[in-house]
Protein backbone atom coordinates (compact mmCIF):
# COMPACT_ATOMS: atom_id res chain seq x y z
CA MET A 1 132.81 106.28 59.40
CA ASN A 2 134.79 104.75 56.57
CA LEU A 3 135.65 101.06 56.40
CA THR A 4 139.38 101.59 57.00
CA LEU A 5 138.80 103.52 60.23
CA LEU A 6 136.28 100.94 61.41
CA CYS A 7 138.81 98.13 60.85
CA VAL A 8 141.49 100.04 62.75
CA LEU A 9 139.18 100.67 65.71
CA THR A 10 138.02 97.04 65.73
CA PHE A 11 141.59 95.73 65.60
CA GLY A 12 142.61 98.05 68.44
CA PHE A 13 139.65 96.88 70.53
CA GLN A 14 140.65 93.22 69.95
CA LEU A 15 144.22 93.99 71.01
CA SER A 16 142.89 95.65 74.17
CA LEU A 17 140.85 92.56 75.00
CA ALA A 18 143.82 90.29 74.32
CA ASP A 19 146.06 92.39 76.57
CA SER A 20 143.45 92.25 79.32
CA ALA A 21 143.14 88.47 78.99
CA TRP A 22 146.89 87.95 78.99
CA ALA A 23 147.13 90.06 82.12
CA ARG A 24 145.34 87.29 83.95
CA TYR A 25 147.79 84.53 83.06
CA PRO A 26 150.60 83.28 85.33
CA ARG A 27 154.15 82.80 84.12
CA ILE A 28 156.50 80.04 85.28
CA THR A 29 160.23 79.33 85.03
CA ALA A 30 161.99 76.34 86.58
CA SER A 31 165.30 74.49 86.68
CA ALA A 32 166.68 71.27 88.13
CA VAL A 33 169.31 71.30 90.89
CA CYS A 34 170.80 67.93 91.71
CA ASP A 35 173.28 66.27 94.02
CA SER A 36 175.23 63.94 91.75
CA THR A 37 176.39 61.93 94.77
CA SER A 38 173.02 61.10 96.29
CA GLY A 39 170.97 61.41 93.12
CA ALA A 40 168.52 63.76 94.85
CA VAL A 41 166.98 66.32 92.50
CA ASP A 42 165.10 69.48 93.45
CA ILE A 43 163.11 71.62 91.04
CA GLN A 44 163.45 75.33 91.75
CA PHE A 45 160.62 77.45 90.33
CA THR A 46 159.57 81.07 90.05
CA SER A 47 156.06 82.16 89.11
CA THR A 48 155.18 85.72 88.17
CA SER A 49 152.02 87.57 87.20
CA TRP A 50 151.84 88.55 83.55
CA VAL A 51 151.51 92.20 84.59
CA PHE A 52 153.02 94.04 87.54
CA GLU A 53 150.26 96.41 88.46
CA SER A 54 147.15 96.19 90.63
CA PRO A 55 144.49 94.99 90.46
CA GLU A 56 144.87 92.64 87.49
CA GLY A 57 148.14 91.16 88.72
CA ASP A 58 146.77 90.13 92.13
CA ASN A 59 145.85 86.49 92.72
CA ALA A 60 145.76 85.01 96.21
CA GLN A 61 146.36 81.37 95.23
CA ILE A 62 148.67 80.07 92.54
CA ASP A 63 149.20 76.30 92.72
CA ILE A 64 152.48 74.79 91.49
CA LEU A 65 152.24 71.29 90.03
CA PHE A 66 154.90 68.76 89.08
CA ASN A 67 153.55 66.36 86.46
CA GLY A 68 150.01 67.27 87.47
CA LEU A 69 150.45 66.96 91.25
CA VAL A 70 150.31 70.02 93.52
CA VAL A 71 153.64 70.53 95.32
CA GLY A 72 153.33 74.14 96.46
CA THR A 73 151.18 77.26 96.61
CA GLY A 74 151.97 80.97 96.40
CA ALA A 75 150.30 84.31 95.74
CA TYR A 76 150.70 87.31 93.44
CA GLN A 77 150.44 90.48 95.45
CA ALA A 78 151.88 93.96 95.17
CA PRO A 79 154.61 94.98 94.82
CA GLU A 80 156.51 91.87 93.59
CA TYR A 81 153.67 89.89 91.96
CA SER A 82 156.06 86.94 92.09
CA PHE A 83 157.15 84.08 94.36
CA SER A 84 159.74 81.31 94.28
CA GLY A 85 160.19 77.90 95.86
CA SER A 86 161.48 74.38 95.38
CA ALA A 87 160.33 70.80 95.82
CA PRO A 88 161.83 67.35 95.20
CA ALA A 89 161.52 66.24 91.60
CA PRO A 90 159.39 63.18 90.83
CA PRO A 91 161.20 60.30 89.13
CA GLY A 92 161.80 60.51 85.41
CA GLU A 93 163.91 62.26 82.81
CA GLN A 94 161.61 65.27 82.47
CA VAL A 95 159.24 67.16 84.77
CA THR A 96 156.37 69.36 83.62
CA VAL A 97 156.12 72.33 86.00
CA THR A 98 152.79 74.18 85.91
CA ALA A 99 151.45 77.30 87.59
CA VAL A 100 147.64 77.43 87.90
CA ALA A 101 145.62 80.49 88.94
CA VAL A 102 143.17 79.03 91.46
CA ALA A 103 141.68 82.12 93.07
CA ASN A 104 139.95 85.01 91.29
CA TRP A 105 142.14 87.85 90.07
CA GLY A 106 142.25 91.16 91.86
CA ASP A 107 139.91 92.80 89.36
CA GLY A 108 137.31 90.07 89.92
CA ALA A 109 138.12 88.01 86.83
CA GLU A 110 137.76 84.27 87.33
CA GLY A 111 140.93 82.18 87.70
CA GLY A 112 141.71 78.86 86.04
CA GLN A 113 144.48 80.04 83.70
CA SER A 114 147.78 78.15 83.66
CA ALA A 115 151.27 78.12 82.19
CA SER A 116 153.77 75.27 82.01
CA THR A 117 157.42 74.60 81.33
CA VAL A 118 159.32 71.33 80.94
CA VAL A 119 162.48 70.73 82.98
CA THR A 120 164.96 68.09 81.82
CA ILE A 121 166.83 66.29 84.60
CA PRO A 122 170.63 66.49 84.07
CA THR A 123 172.13 63.23 82.85
CA ASP A 124 174.70 63.19 85.68
CA CYS A 125 171.88 62.84 88.21
CA VAL A 126 170.11 59.56 88.76
CA ASN A 127 166.62 60.65 89.73
CA VAL A 128 165.34 57.54 91.47
CA GLY A 129 162.92 57.04 94.32
CA LEU A 130 164.61 56.82 97.72
CA GLY A 131 161.75 55.63 99.84
CA ARG A 132 158.47 53.81 100.15
CA PHE A 133 155.31 53.65 102.24
CA THR A 134 153.72 50.62 103.81
CA GLY A 135 150.53 50.07 105.77
CA GLY A 136 150.45 49.09 109.40
CA GLY A 137 150.15 45.65 110.94
CA HIS A 138 146.37 45.82 110.74
CA GLN A 139 143.64 47.62 108.84
CA ILE A 140 143.95 51.33 108.15
CA ARG A 141 140.75 53.34 108.48
CA VAL A 142 140.21 56.81 107.08
CA GLY A 143 136.79 57.75 108.40
CA ALA A 144 134.54 54.92 107.24
CA VAL A 145 136.99 53.77 104.56
CA ARG A 146 139.07 50.69 105.20
CA VAL A 147 142.40 50.17 103.40
CA THR A 148 143.43 46.54 103.50
CA ARG A 149 146.81 45.42 104.81
CA GLY A 150 149.63 45.07 102.32
CA LEU A 151 149.74 48.74 101.28
CA THR A 152 153.18 49.20 99.62
CA ILE A 153 153.91 52.28 97.49
CA HIS A 154 157.40 53.16 96.18
CA CYS A 155 158.78 56.61 95.34
CA ASP A 156 159.65 55.61 91.81
CA LEU A 157 157.72 54.36 88.82
CA LEU A 158 159.88 51.28 88.28
CA LEU A 159 158.81 48.99 91.09
CA SER A 160 155.45 47.32 91.58
CA ASN A 161 152.99 48.70 94.12
CA ASN A 162 149.98 47.45 96.03
CA LEU A 163 146.98 49.51 97.09
CA GLU A 164 143.59 47.99 97.82
CA ILE A 165 140.69 49.98 99.22
CA ASN A 166 137.45 48.54 100.57
CA TRP A 167 134.39 50.46 101.72
CA GLY A 168 130.71 49.58 102.12
CA GLY A 169 130.97 46.42 100.06
CA ASN A 170 132.94 48.19 97.29
CA GLN A 171 136.51 47.48 96.30
CA PHE A 172 139.23 49.25 94.33
CA HIS A 173 142.51 47.55 93.43
CA MET A 174 145.30 49.62 91.87
CA THR A 175 147.43 48.20 89.08
CA GLU A 176 151.09 47.59 89.93
CA HIS A 177 152.64 50.62 88.21
CA MET A 178 151.51 54.17 88.95
CA ILE A 179 151.14 57.09 86.53
CA THR A 180 152.89 59.68 88.73
CA VAL A 181 154.37 59.77 92.21
CA ALA A 182 155.95 62.54 94.30
CA CYS A 183 157.69 62.07 97.65
CA THR A 184 158.61 64.94 99.99
CA ASP A 185 160.14 65.41 103.42
CA SER A 186 158.73 68.37 105.36
CA PRO A 187 160.69 69.88 108.28
CA ASP A 188 157.34 70.47 110.01
CA ILE A 189 156.50 66.74 110.19
CA ILE A 190 158.30 64.45 112.67
CA GLN A 191 158.21 61.16 110.80
CA ALA A 192 160.71 58.97 112.72
CA PRO A 193 160.96 56.26 113.92
CA PRO A 194 162.33 54.70 111.82
CA VAL A 195 164.35 57.33 109.97
CA ALA A 196 163.18 57.68 106.36
CA PRO A 197 163.90 60.08 103.48
CA LEU A 198 160.24 61.11 103.17
CA ASP A 199 157.12 61.77 105.23
CA THR A 200 154.60 62.43 102.44
CA LEU A 201 153.79 60.55 99.25
CA ILE A 202 151.34 61.74 96.59
CA GLY A 203 150.42 59.29 93.85
CA VAL A 204 148.14 58.75 90.88
CA GLY A 205 147.33 55.33 89.51
CA THR A 206 144.70 53.34 87.67
CA GLY A 207 142.86 50.18 88.54
CA ARG A 208 139.65 48.20 88.85
CA TYR A 209 136.55 49.34 90.75
CA ASN A 210 134.34 46.39 91.68
CA ASN A 211 136.21 44.35 89.05
CA VAL A 212 135.61 46.92 86.30
CA ASP A 213 138.62 48.52 84.58
CA GLY A 214 138.89 52.20 83.75
CA PHE A 215 139.16 54.00 87.09
CA THR A 216 141.77 56.39 88.48
CA VAL A 217 142.92 56.82 92.08
CA GLU A 218 144.61 59.91 93.51
CA PHE A 219 145.95 59.54 97.03
CA THR A 220 148.12 61.19 99.66
CA LEU A 221 149.96 59.37 102.46
CA VAL A 222 151.48 61.17 105.45
CA ASP A 223 153.60 59.51 108.15
CA ALA A 224 153.71 61.75 111.23
CA GLY A 225 155.47 59.37 113.63
CA GLU A 226 154.40 56.66 116.00
CA PRO A 227 151.96 55.23 116.94
CA GLY A 228 150.17 56.61 113.87
CA THR A 229 147.69 58.87 115.65
CA PHE A 230 148.68 61.84 113.49
CA ASP A 231 149.15 59.96 110.22
CA LYS A 232 146.93 61.19 107.39
CA MET A 233 145.51 59.88 104.14
CA ALA A 234 143.39 61.23 101.27
CA ILE A 235 141.67 59.10 98.62
CA LEU A 236 139.88 60.11 95.42
CA ILE A 237 138.60 57.45 93.00
CA TYR A 238 136.76 58.31 89.78
CA GLU A 239 136.01 56.96 86.33
CA THR A 240 138.98 57.83 84.12
CA ALA A 241 136.90 58.64 81.03
CA ASN A 242 134.33 60.57 83.08
CA PRO A 243 136.05 62.33 86.03
CA GLY A 244 132.72 63.66 87.25
CA ASN A 245 131.76 60.09 88.16
CA VAL A 246 133.42 60.02 91.58
CA VAL A 247 132.92 56.78 93.47
CA LEU A 248 134.94 57.71 96.56
CA ASN A 249 136.20 61.04 97.88
CA VAL A 250 137.98 61.16 101.25
CA PRO A 251 139.70 64.53 101.85
CA LEU A 252 143.04 64.52 103.66
CA GLN A 253 142.34 63.57 107.27
CA PHE A 254 143.75 61.72 110.27
CA LEU A 255 143.56 57.94 110.38
CA THR A 256 141.08 56.52 112.88
CA GLY A 257 142.99 53.24 113.09
CA GLY A 258 146.10 51.55 111.83
CA ASN A 259 149.37 53.13 110.82
CA LEU A 260 151.23 54.47 107.78
CA GLN A 261 154.98 53.96 107.75
CA ALA A 262 157.67 55.60 105.64
CA HIS A 263 160.90 53.66 104.98
CA TYR A 264 164.09 53.76 103.02
CA ASP A 265 163.76 51.51 100.00
CA GLN A 266 166.06 48.53 100.43
CA PRO A 267 168.12 49.18 97.25
CA HIS A 268 168.87 52.75 98.42
CA LYS A 269 169.27 52.28 102.18
């Protein structure tokens, strides 16, 4: 075999591998839709498999993230290999929308691939937080974890927040301003009373663990009405520079005491 033919065959083989790899990547498009009167902004998204044929295009779980936080999940399955949805935009002038292949692909290839797009919020919309969460009148317990009173988290990145978590002699105290926050209002959750523009808040912040800086907290708050029996919370705390060093991991679960309460923020009531 001459050198020219060998190069052609090798190049063709590399293209075949590249095509196969690209077949296992999601695609994502998104746009902002806003109500200029209320300032509410939704991000509408569509995610599609790179190819439209089985089995490579199949994937049973594609997570959609806004600024790194999961806001929805869909699946690529024949014949469309595509799904659409929407979720409230987090505060800010831009939102990074990402589709991540979580499950294995239909041909057995491992997931983990992702694609992102950046959505710019229209200037005639004021994308501000419209709500906040507070803790109950006494301690909140999630399993064996106790969250001290004074929990106050806003749906924007402008105002100060307070989140302190104590467990087994350990303490985490979040700094005032969070990295990201997303607030949503699900029709499947009865949040009132009182009436509020949200029932779920997902946030990411940094803070001090046992008086040592350099730790990150990811948390979810769910207000499912009074008296708080069906309220939920999730907490994950880890070393920022070494995410494998997890010091607390409480999956989303019902509170065993206390109450989480969603409110209108006073400036927007």
